[in-house]
Amino acid sequence: MDPKSVAKQMMIFNKTAFDNHFRAMQAWHEQTERVVNKFWEKSPMFPEEGKKAITEWMTAYKKGCDDFKKLVDENFRKVDAFFKET
């Protein structure tokens, strides 16, 4: 079998595995966020500034995840383009 074909199949497998894992982690994060938000709504022990800090942290986390996903997707596109050229 052609080494380029094997490498391309490995790249496709890794991209699929990454995408599936990323979607699962994203779903887990969204569910956890919903549970935590419901808890905050009902709990008087969290001050507003604490809620604001955690909300900002969650927003930064989401942005970091989105940026990471874009970077990984771009690199997979570059590898795919490399295989198309050769």
C-alpha atoms as a PDB file:
ATOM      1  CA  MET A   1       0.000   0.000   0.000  1.00  0.00           C
ATOM      2  CA  ASP A   2       1.169   3.512  -0.787  1.00  0.00           C
ATOM      3  CA  PRO A   3       2.674   5.287   2.275  1.00  0.00           C
ATOM      4  CA  LYS A   4       0.937   8.547   1.315  1.00  0.00           C
ATOM      5  CA  SER A   5      -2.414   6.779   1.246  1.00  0.00           C
ATOM      6  CA  VAL A   6      -1.773   5.258   4.673  1.00  0.00           C
ATOM      7  CA  ALA A   7      -0.738   8.627   6.104  1.00  0.00           C
ATOM      8  CA  LYS A   8      -3.822  10.300   4.643  1.00  0.00           C
ATOM      9  CA  GLN A   9      -6.086   7.611   6.114  1.00  0.00           C
ATOM     10  CA  MET A  10      -4.405   8.104   9.497  1.00  0.00           C
ATOM     11  CA  MET A  11      -4.986  11.858   9.236  1.00  0.00           C
ATOM     12  CA  ILE A  12      -8.664  11.312   8.394  1.00  0.00           C
ATOM     13  CA  PHE A  13      -9.032   8.908  11.319  1.00  0.00           C
ATOM     14  CA  ASN A  14      -7.375  11.362  13.709  1.00  0.00           C
ATOM     15  CA  LYS A  15      -9.550  14.248  12.507  1.00  0.00           C
ATOM     16  CA  THR A  16     -12.694  12.159  12.977  1.00  0.00           C
ATOM     17  CA  ALA A  17     -11.567  11.069  16.443  1.00  0.00           C
ATOM     18  CA  PHE A  18     -10.750  14.664  17.398  1.00  0.00           C
ATOM     19  CA  ASP A  19     -14.073  15.990  16.112  1.00  0.00           C
ATOM     20  CA  ASN A  20     -16.041  13.324  17.985  1.00  0.00           C
ATOM     21  CA  HIS A  21     -14.122  13.890  21.199  1.00  0.00           C
ATOM     22  CA  PHE A  22     -14.446  17.668  20.917  1.00  0.00           C
ATOM     23  CA  ARG A  23     -18.212  17.450  20.384  1.00  0.00           C
ATOM     24  CA  ALA A  24     -18.552  15.126  23.389  1.00  0.00           C
ATOM     25  CA  MET A  25     -16.535  17.473  25.601  1.00  0.00           C
ATOM     26  CA  GLN A  26     -18.557  20.432  24.343  1.00  0.00           C
ATOM     27  CA  ALA A  27     -21.832  18.659  25.153  1.00  0.00           C
ATOM     28  CA  TRP A  28     -20.528  17.747  28.607  1.00  0.00           C
ATOM     29  CA  HIS A  29     -19.496  21.367  29.234  1.00  0.00           C
ATOM     30  CA  GLU A  30     -22.865  22.734  28.107  1.00  0.00           C
ATOM     31  CA  GLN A  31     -24.752  20.301  30.355  1.00  0.00           C
ATOM     32  CA  THR A  32     -22.531  21.139  33.317  1.00  0.00           C
ATOM     33  CA  GLU A  33     -23.011  24.839  32.656  1.00  0.00           C
ATOM     34  CA  ARG A  34     -26.806  24.421  32.685  1.00  0.00           C
ATOM     35  CA  VAL A  35     -26.688  22.551  36.002  1.00  0.00           C
ATOM     36  CA  VAL A  36     -24.395  25.128  37.596  1.00  0.00           C
ATOM     37  CA  ASN A  37     -26.550  28.014  36.348  1.00  0.00           C
ATOM     38  CA  LYS A  38     -29.678  26.425  37.815  1.00  0.00           C
ATOM     39  CA  PHE A  39     -27.837  25.980  41.119  1.00  0.00           C
ATOM     40  CA  TRP A  40     -26.773  29.639  41.129  1.00  0.00           C
ATOM     41  CA  GLU A  41     -30.318  30.812  40.470  1.00  0.00           C
ATOM     42  CA  LYS A  42     -31.557  28.977  43.552  1.00  0.00           C
ATOM     43  CA  SER A  43     -28.610  29.582  45.878  1.00  0.00           C
ATOM     44  CA  PRO A  44     -28.430  32.822  47.874  1.00  0.00           C
ATOM     45  CA  MET A  45     -24.896  32.064  49.142  1.00  0.00           C
ATOM     46  CA  PHE A  46     -23.129  33.181  45.946  1.00  0.00           C
ATOM     47  CA  PRO A  47     -22.547  36.940  45.759  1.00  0.00           C
ATOM     48  CA  GLU A  48     -23.183  38.701  42.464  1.00  0.00           C
ATOM     49  CA  GLU A  49     -19.505  39.501  41.955  1.00  0.00           C
ATOM     50  CA  GLY A  50     -18.689  35.795  42.334  1.00  0.00           C
ATOM     51  CA  LYS A  51     -21.330  34.904  39.756  1.00  0.00           C
ATOM     52  CA  LYS A  52     -19.896  37.526  37.426  1.00  0.00           C
ATOM     53  CA  ALA A  53     -16.346  36.196  37.845  1.00  0.00           C
ATOM     54  CA  ILE A  54     -17.404  32.628  37.107  1.00  0.00           C
ATOM     55  CA  THR A  55     -19.479  33.756  34.112  1.00  0.00           C
ATOM     56  CA  GLU A  56     -16.442  35.579  32.725  1.00  0.00           C
ATOM     57  CA  TRP A  57     -14.327  32.470  33.315  1.00  0.00           C
ATOM     58  CA  MET A  58     -16.846  30.306  31.466  1.00  0.00           C
ATOM     59  CA  THR A  59     -16.934  32.786  28.578  1.00  0.00           C
ATOM     60  CA  ALA A  60     -13.130  32.762  28.370  1.00  0.00           C
ATOM     61  CA  TYR A  61     -13.160  28.959  28.452  1.00  0.00           C
ATOM     62  CA  LYS A  62     -15.642  28.807  25.570  1.00  0.00           C
ATOM     63  CA  LYS A  63     -13.589  31.286  23.542  1.00  0.00           C
ATOM     64  CA  GLY A  64     -10.438  29.266  24.207  1.00  0.00           C
ATOM     65  CA  CYS A  65     -12.163  26.067  23.089  1.00  0.00           C
ATOM     66  CA  ASP A  66     -13.476  27.734  19.935  1.00  0.00           C
ATOM     67  CA  ASP A  67     -10.042  29.169  19.122  1.00  0.00           C
ATOM     68  CA  PHE A  68      -8.430  25.773  19.715  1.00  0.00           C
ATOM     69  CA  LYS A  69     -10.974  24.051  17.448  1.00  0.00           C
ATOM     70  CA  LYS A  70     -10.378  26.614  14.684  1.00  0.00           C
ATOM     71  CA  LEU A  71      -6.615  26.129  14.976  1.00  0.00           C
ATOM     72  CA  VAL A  72      -6.862  22.333  14.821  1.00  0.00           C
ATOM     73  CA  ASP A  73      -9.272  22.472  11.876  1.00  0.00           C
ATOM     74  CA  GLU A  74      -6.942  24.840  10.019  1.00  0.00           C
ATOM     75  CA  ASN A  75      -4.001  22.513  10.581  1.00  0.00           C
ATOM     76  CA  PHE A  76      -5.997  19.513   9.382  1.00  0.00           C
ATOM     77  CA  ARG A  77      -6.855  21.529   6.247  1.00  0.00           C
ATOM     78  CA  LYS A  78      -3.143  22.245   5.720  1.00  0.00           C
ATOM     79  CA  VAL A  79      -2.262  18.563   6.047  1.00  0.00           C
ATOM     80  CA  ASP A  80      -5.075  17.651   3.663  1.00  0.00           C
ATOM     81  CA  ALA A  81      -3.814  20.243   1.162  1.00  0.00           C
ATOM     82  CA  PHE A  82      -0.339  18.759   1.470  1.00  0.00           C
ATOM     83  CA  PHE A  83      -1.640  15.318   0.558  1.00  0.00           C
ATOM     84  CA  LYS A  84      -3.534  16.727  -2.425  1.00  0.00           C
ATOM     85  CA  GLU A  85      -0.371  18.422  -3.728  1.00  0.00           C
ATOM     86  CA  THR A  86       1.818  15.336  -3.582  1.00  0.00           C
END
